[in-house]
Amino acid sequence: QVVESGGGLVQAGGSLRLSCAASRGSFSMHNLGWFRQAPGAERDFVAGITWNGRETSYVDSVKGRFTISRDNGKNMVYLQMNSLKPEDAAVYYCNTVRGDWRPLAPSWGQGTQVTVST
């Protein structure tokens, strides 16, 4: 179980920092990922981080703008989003992920809404 937070309304070019907490159990030994789903679209991978934080991966459209990080001591994963674009607007979710960054847990949290205005 996870709880995402930090979304909101931001102007294009602005920044947001999303947070994801484990409401049950621990993240510390899992690879983690952020996903997003825009209206009428599939839920897509955005960024991932290995359990020890040594490796990260990003979808091409966010490289150089988004940064994923984690704090295993706090059981948290974060997504710093800079230079936001209208096409970044979506509901953002976190989940544990496999080695190929596909989601692992069958259930999802409620997500956090990101809206980007022009």
N, C-alpha and C. Protein backbone atom coordinates (compact mmCIF):
# COMPACT_ATOMS: atom_id res chain seq x y z
N GLN A 1 0.84 -1.18 0.00
CA GLN A 1 0.00 0.00 0.00
C GLN A 1 0.88 1.24 0.00
N VAL A 2 0.51 2.18 -0.85
CA VAL A 2 1.29 3.41 -0.94
C VAL A 2 0.35 4.61 -0.89
N VAL A 3 0.92 5.75 -0.51
CA VAL A 3 0.17 7.00 -0.49
C VAL A 3 1.01 8.05 -1.20
N GLU A 4 0.47 8.56 -2.30
CA GLU A 4 1.15 9.60 -3.06
C GLU A 4 0.63 10.97 -2.65
N SER A 5 1.51 11.96 -2.73
CA SER A 5 1.11 13.33 -2.40
C SER A 5 2.01 14.31 -3.12
N GLY A 6 1.64 15.58 -3.06
CA GLY A 6 2.48 16.63 -3.61
C GLY A 6 2.01 17.21 -4.93
N GLY A 7 0.98 16.63 -5.51
CA GLY A 7 0.48 17.16 -6.77
C GLY A 7 -0.21 18.50 -6.57
N GLY A 8 -0.60 19.10 -7.67
CA GLY A 8 -1.29 20.38 -7.60
C GLY A 8 -1.33 21.05 -8.95
N LEU A 9 -1.72 22.31 -8.92
CA LEU A 9 -1.79 23.13 -10.14
C LEU A 9 -0.54 24.00 -10.21
N VAL A 10 0.13 23.97 -11.34
CA VAL A 10 1.34 24.75 -11.51
C VAL A 10 1.36 25.31 -12.93
N GLN A 11 1.96 26.46 -13.09
CA GLN A 11 2.12 27.03 -14.42
C GLN A 11 3.21 26.31 -15.18
N ALA A 12 3.08 26.31 -16.48
CA ALA A 12 4.13 25.73 -17.32
C ALA A 12 5.46 26.37 -16.97
N GLY A 13 6.48 25.55 -16.85
CA GLY A 13 7.79 26.02 -16.43
C GLY A 13 8.04 25.91 -14.95
N GLY A 14 7.00 25.64 -14.21
CA GLY A 14 7.12 25.54 -12.76
C GLY A 14 7.59 24.18 -12.31
N SER A 15 7.60 24.00 -10.98
CA SER A 15 8.12 22.78 -10.38
C SER A 15 7.15 22.23 -9.34
N LEU A 16 7.22 20.93 -9.16
CA LEU A 16 6.51 20.24 -8.09
C LEU A 16 7.39 19.11 -7.60
N ARG A 17 7.20 18.76 -6.35
CA ARG A 17 7.90 17.60 -5.79
C ARG A 17 6.85 16.62 -5.27
N LEU A 18 6.79 15.47 -5.88
CA LEU A 18 5.86 14.44 -5.46
C LEU A 18 6.53 13.53 -4.43
N SER A 19 5.72 13.03 -3.51
CA SER A 19 6.21 12.11 -2.49
C SER A 19 5.35 10.86 -2.49
N CYS A 20 5.96 9.77 -2.11
CA CYS A 20 5.23 8.50 -1.99
C CYS A 20 5.71 7.79 -0.73
N ALA A 21 4.76 7.45 0.11
CA ALA A 21 5.06 6.77 1.36
C ALA A 21 4.43 5.39 1.36
N ALA A 22 5.11 4.47 1.99
CA ALA A 22 4.54 3.13 2.16
C ALA A 22 3.64 3.18 3.38
N SER A 23 2.37 2.88 3.19
CA SER A 23 1.45 2.90 4.32
C SER A 23 1.46 1.57 5.07
N ARG A 24 2.04 0.57 4.43
CA ARG A 24 2.15 -0.74 5.06
C ARG A 24 3.42 -1.40 4.55
N GLY A 25 4.22 -1.95 5.42
CA GLY A 25 5.45 -2.60 4.99
C GLY A 25 6.55 -1.61 4.71
N SER A 26 7.58 -2.08 4.04
CA SER A 26 8.76 -1.26 3.79
C SER A 26 9.13 -1.28 2.32
N PHE A 27 9.63 -0.14 1.86
CA PHE A 27 10.12 -0.02 0.49
C PHE A 27 11.57 -0.46 0.36
N SER A 28 12.28 -0.52 1.46
CA SER A 28 13.73 -0.42 1.40
C SER A 28 14.42 -1.47 0.52
N MET A 29 13.81 -2.62 0.31
CA MET A 29 14.47 -3.65 -0.49
C MET A 29 13.86 -3.78 -1.87
N HIS A 30 13.06 -2.80 -2.27
CA HIS A 30 12.38 -2.84 -3.57
C HIS A 30 12.85 -1.74 -4.50
N ASN A 31 12.95 -2.08 -5.76
CA ASN A 31 13.04 -1.03 -6.78
C ASN A 31 11.69 -0.32 -6.82
N LEU A 32 11.72 0.97 -7.09
CA LEU A 32 10.50 1.77 -7.07
C LEU A 32 10.36 2.58 -8.35
N GLY A 33 9.14 2.86 -8.71
CA GLY A 33 8.91 3.63 -9.92
C GLY A 33 7.76 4.59 -9.79
N TRP A 34 7.80 5.63 -10.59
CA TRP A 34 6.70 6.58 -10.75
C TRP A 34 6.07 6.34 -12.12
N PHE A 35 4.76 6.37 -12.14
CA PHE A 35 3.99 6.20 -13.36
C PHE A 35 3.00 7.35 -13.45
N ARG A 36 2.46 7.58 -14.64
CA ARG A 36 1.45 8.61 -14.78
C ARG A 36 0.40 8.18 -15.79
N GLN A 37 -0.80 8.70 -15.56
CA GLN A 37 -1.91 8.37 -16.43
C GLN A 37 -2.70 9.62 -16.73
N ALA A 38 -2.72 10.01 -17.99
CA ALA A 38 -3.52 11.14 -18.44
C ALA A 38 -4.92 10.63 -18.81
N PRO A 39 -5.90 11.50 -18.84
CA PRO A 39 -7.26 11.07 -19.20
C PRO A 39 -7.31 10.36 -20.54
N GLY A 40 -7.92 9.18 -20.56
CA GLY A 40 -8.07 8.44 -21.80
C GLY A 40 -6.82 7.71 -22.27
N ALA A 41 -5.77 7.75 -21.45
CA ALA A 41 -4.51 7.14 -21.85
C ALA A 41 -4.15 5.99 -20.92
N GLU A 42 -3.16 5.21 -21.32
CA GLU A 42 -2.64 4.15 -20.48
C GLU A 42 -1.79 4.73 -19.35
N ARG A 43 -1.58 3.95 -18.33
CA ARG A 43 -0.66 4.35 -17.27
C ARG A 43 0.74 3.99 -17.72
N ASP A 44 1.61 4.97 -17.79
CA ASP A 44 2.94 4.79 -18.35
C ASP A 44 4.04 5.01 -17.31
N PHE A 45 5.12 4.33 -17.52
CA PHE A 45 6.31 4.51 -16.69
C PHE A 45 6.90 5.90 -16.92
N VAL A 46 7.34 6.54 -15.83
CA VAL A 46 7.98 7.85 -15.89
C VAL A 46 9.43 7.78 -15.42
N ALA A 47 9.64 7.18 -14.25
CA ALA A 47 10.97 7.14 -13.67
C ALA A 47 11.06 5.98 -12.70
N GLY A 48 12.27 5.44 -12.56
CA GLY A 48 12.48 4.34 -11.64
C GLY A 48 13.82 4.46 -10.94
N ILE A 49 13.91 3.81 -9.78
CA ILE A 49 15.14 3.84 -9.00
C ILE A 49 15.32 2.48 -8.34
N THR A 50 16.55 2.00 -8.35
CA THR A 50 16.82 0.71 -7.73
C THR A 50 16.74 0.81 -6.21
N TRP A 51 16.72 -0.34 -5.56
CA TRP A 51 16.49 -0.37 -4.11
C TRP A 51 17.57 0.40 -3.36
N ASN A 52 18.79 0.41 -3.89
CA ASN A 52 19.89 1.11 -3.21
C ASN A 52 20.14 2.51 -3.77
N GLY A 53 19.33 2.92 -4.72
CA GLY A 53 19.45 4.27 -5.27
C GLY A 53 20.58 4.45 -6.26
N ARG A 54 21.27 3.38 -6.62
CA ARG A 54 22.45 3.52 -7.47
C ARG A 54 22.12 3.65 -8.94
N GLU A 55 20.94 3.21 -9.32
CA GLU A 55 20.56 3.26 -10.73
C GLU A 55 19.19 3.89 -10.87
N THR A 56 19.08 4.76 -11.84
CA THR A 56 17.79 5.38 -12.14
C THR A 56 17.50 5.25 -13.63
N SER A 57 16.24 5.40 -13.96
CA SER A 57 15.83 5.33 -15.36
C SER A 57 14.68 6.30 -15.57
N TYR A 58 14.65 6.92 -16.75
CA TYR A 58 13.61 7.90 -17.05
C TYR A 58 13.09 7.68 -18.46
N VAL A 59 11.82 7.97 -18.64
CA VAL A 59 11.30 8.01 -19.99
C VAL A 59 11.92 9.23 -20.68
N ASP A 60 12.13 9.13 -21.97
CA ASP A 60 12.87 10.18 -22.68
C ASP A 60 12.24 11.57 -22.49
N SER A 61 10.94 11.64 -22.42
CA SER A 61 10.26 12.93 -22.39
C SER A 61 10.51 13.72 -21.10
N VAL A 62 11.04 13.07 -20.06
CA VAL A 62 11.26 13.79 -18.80
C VAL A 62 12.74 13.87 -18.44
N LYS A 63 13.59 13.27 -19.22
CA LYS A 63 15.02 13.31 -18.93
C LYS A 63 15.53 14.74 -18.88
N GLY A 64 16.30 15.03 -17.85
CA GLY A 64 16.83 16.36 -17.68
C GLY A 64 15.89 17.30 -16.94
N ARG A 65 14.65 16.89 -16.74
CA ARG A 65 13.67 17.74 -16.05
C ARG A 65 13.20 17.11 -14.73
N PHE A 66 13.07 15.81 -14.70
CA PHE A 66 12.59 15.10 -13.51
C PHE A 66 13.74 14.36 -12.85
N THR A 67 13.68 14.26 -11.53
CA THR A 67 14.67 13.50 -10.77
C THR A 67 13.97 12.64 -9.74
N ILE A 68 14.24 11.35 -9.78
CA ILE A 68 13.68 10.44 -8.79
C ILE A 68 14.73 10.21 -7.70
N SER A 69 14.27 10.14 -6.47
CA SER A 69 15.17 9.88 -5.36
C SER A 69 14.41 9.10 -4.29
N ARG A 70 15.13 8.61 -3.32
CA ARG A 70 14.49 7.84 -2.27
C ARG A 70 15.22 8.03 -0.95
N ASP A 71 14.50 7.80 0.12
CA ASP A 71 15.07 7.83 1.46
C ASP A 71 14.57 6.56 2.15
N ASN A 72 15.41 5.55 2.16
CA ASN A 72 14.98 4.27 2.73
C ASN A 72 14.74 4.37 4.24
N GLY A 73 15.46 5.25 4.89
CA GLY A 73 15.24 5.43 6.32
C GLY A 73 13.85 5.95 6.65
N LYS A 74 13.31 6.75 5.74
CA LYS A 74 11.97 7.31 5.93
C LYS A 74 10.92 6.53 5.14
N ASN A 75 11.36 5.53 4.40
CA ASN A 75 10.42 4.73 3.61
C ASN A 75 9.66 5.58 2.60
N MET A 76 10.42 6.46 1.91
CA MET A 76 9.82 7.41 1.00
C MET A 76 10.54 7.37 -0.35
N VAL A 77 9.78 7.69 -1.40
CA VAL A 77 10.36 7.93 -2.72
C VAL A 77 9.79 9.25 -3.22
N TYR A 78 10.61 9.99 -3.95
CA TYR A 78 10.24 11.32 -4.40
C TYR A 78 10.42 11.46 -5.91
N LEU A 79 9.69 12.42 -6.46
CA LEU A 79 9.88 12.78 -7.86
C LEU A 79 9.90 14.30 -7.94
N GLN A 80 11.08 14.85 -8.17
CA GLN A 80 11.22 16.29 -8.37
C GLN A 80 10.98 16.58 -9.83
N MET A 81 10.00 17.43 -10.10
CA MET A 81 9.62 17.73 -11.47
C MET A 81 9.85 19.21 -11.73
N ASN A 82 10.75 19.51 -12.62
CA ASN A 82 11.07 20.89 -12.99
C ASN A 82 10.69 21.15 -14.44
N SER A 83 10.60 22.40 -14.79
CA SER A 83 10.28 22.80 -16.17
C SER A 83 9.05 22.05 -16.69
N LEU A 84 8.02 22.05 -15.89
CA LEU A 84 6.82 21.28 -16.23
C LEU A 84 6.16 21.81 -17.50
N LYS A 85 5.63 20.88 -18.26
CA LYS A 85 4.96 21.18 -19.53
C LYS A 85 3.49 20.73 -19.43
N PRO A 86 2.63 21.31 -20.24
CA PRO A 86 1.23 20.87 -20.21
C PRO A 86 1.08 19.36 -20.44
N GLU A 87 1.96 18.78 -21.23
CA GLU A 87 1.86 17.33 -21.48
C GLU A 87 2.27 16.47 -20.30
N ASP A 88 2.80 17.09 -19.24
CA ASP A 88 3.11 16.36 -18.01
C ASP A 88 1.88 16.19 -17.12
N ALA A 89 0.79 16.86 -17.45
CA ALA A 89 -0.41 16.79 -16.63
C ALA A 89 -0.98 15.37 -16.65
N ALA A 90 -1.21 14.84 -15.45
CA ALA A 90 -1.68 13.46 -15.33
C ALA A 90 -1.87 13.17 -13.84
N VAL A 91 -2.41 12.00 -13.57
CA VAL A 91 -2.38 11.48 -12.20
C VAL A 91 -1.10 10.65 -12.09
N TYR A 92 -0.34 10.94 -11.06
CA TYR A 92 0.95 10.27 -10.85
C TYR A 92 0.82 9.24 -9.74
N TYR A 93 1.40 8.07 -10.00
CA TYR A 93 1.35 6.96 -9.07
C TYR A 93 2.75 6.42 -8.82
N CYS A 94 2.96 5.85 -7.66
CA CYS A 94 4.19 5.13 -7.42
C CYS A 94 3.86 3.66 -7.17
N ASN A 95 4.86 2.82 -7.39
CA ASN A 95 4.67 1.39 -7.19
C ASN A 95 6.04 0.75 -7.07
N THR A 96 6.09 -0.41 -6.49
CA THR A 96 7.28 -1.21 -6.60
C THR A 96 7.38 -1.72 -8.04
N VAL A 97 8.61 -1.94 -8.50
CA VAL A 97 8.80 -2.34 -9.89
C VAL A 97 9.77 -3.50 -10.00
N ARG A 98 9.66 -4.20 -11.12
CA ARG A 98 10.58 -5.29 -11.44
C ARG A 98 11.90 -4.72 -11.98
N GLY A 99 12.80 -5.59 -12.30
CA GLY A 99 14.08 -5.15 -12.84
C GLY A 99 13.96 -4.43 -14.18
N ASP A 100 12.90 -4.71 -14.91
CA ASP A 100 12.68 -4.03 -16.20
C ASP A 100 11.75 -2.83 -16.05
N TRP A 101 11.52 -2.40 -14.83
CA TRP A 101 10.72 -1.22 -14.48
C TRP A 101 9.23 -1.42 -14.66
N ARG A 102 8.77 -2.62 -14.95
CA ARG A 102 7.33 -2.87 -15.00
C ARG A 102 6.81 -2.92 -13.57
N PRO A 103 5.57 -2.47 -13.35
CA PRO A 103 5.04 -2.48 -11.99
C PRO A 103 4.97 -3.88 -11.42
N LEU A 104 5.21 -3.97 -10.10
CA LEU A 104 5.25 -5.26 -9.43
C LEU A 104 3.98 -5.52 -8.62
N ALA A 105 3.60 -4.57 -7.79
CA ALA A 105 2.43 -4.75 -6.94
C ALA A 105 1.16 -4.67 -7.79
N PRO A 106 0.18 -5.54 -7.54
CA PRO A 106 -1.04 -5.55 -8.35
C PRO A 106 -1.99 -4.39 -8.06
N SER A 107 -1.84 -3.78 -6.90
CA SER A 107 -2.74 -2.70 -6.55
C SER A 107 -2.00 -1.37 -6.58
N TRP A 108 -2.78 -0.30 -6.76
CA TRP A 108 -2.23 1.04 -6.86
C TRP A 108 -2.84 1.94 -5.80
N GLY A 109 -2.11 2.98 -5.45
CA GLY A 109 -2.66 3.98 -4.55
C GLY A 109 -3.64 4.87 -5.28
N GLN A 110 -4.05 5.94 -4.61
CA GLN A 110 -5.03 6.84 -5.21
C GLN A 110 -4.39 7.81 -6.19
N GLY A 111 -3.08 7.90 -6.16
CA GLY A 111 -2.38 8.81 -7.05
C GLY A 111 -2.46 10.25 -6.59
N THR A 112 -1.72 11.10 -7.26
CA THR A 112 -1.77 12.53 -6.98
C THR A 112 -1.86 13.27 -8.31
N GLN A 113 -2.78 14.21 -8.38
CA GLN A 113 -3.07 14.90 -9.63
C GLN A 113 -2.09 16.03 -9.87
N VAL A 114 -1.52 16.07 -11.05
CA VAL A 114 -0.67 17.18 -11.48
C VAL A 114 -1.36 17.87 -12.66
N THR A 115 -1.59 19.16 -12.50
CA THR A 115 -2.21 19.96 -13.55
C THR A 115 -1.25 21.07 -13.92
N VAL A 116 -1.00 21.24 -15.20
CA VAL A 116 -0.06 22.25 -15.68
C VAL A 116 -0.81 23.22 -16.58
N SER A 117 -0.82 24.47 -16.19
CA SER A 117 -1.53 25.49 -16.97
C SER A 117 -0.57 26.20 -17.90
N THR A 118 -1.10 26.68 -19.00
CA THR A 118 -0.27 27.42 -19.97
C THR A 118 -0.31 28.90 -19.68
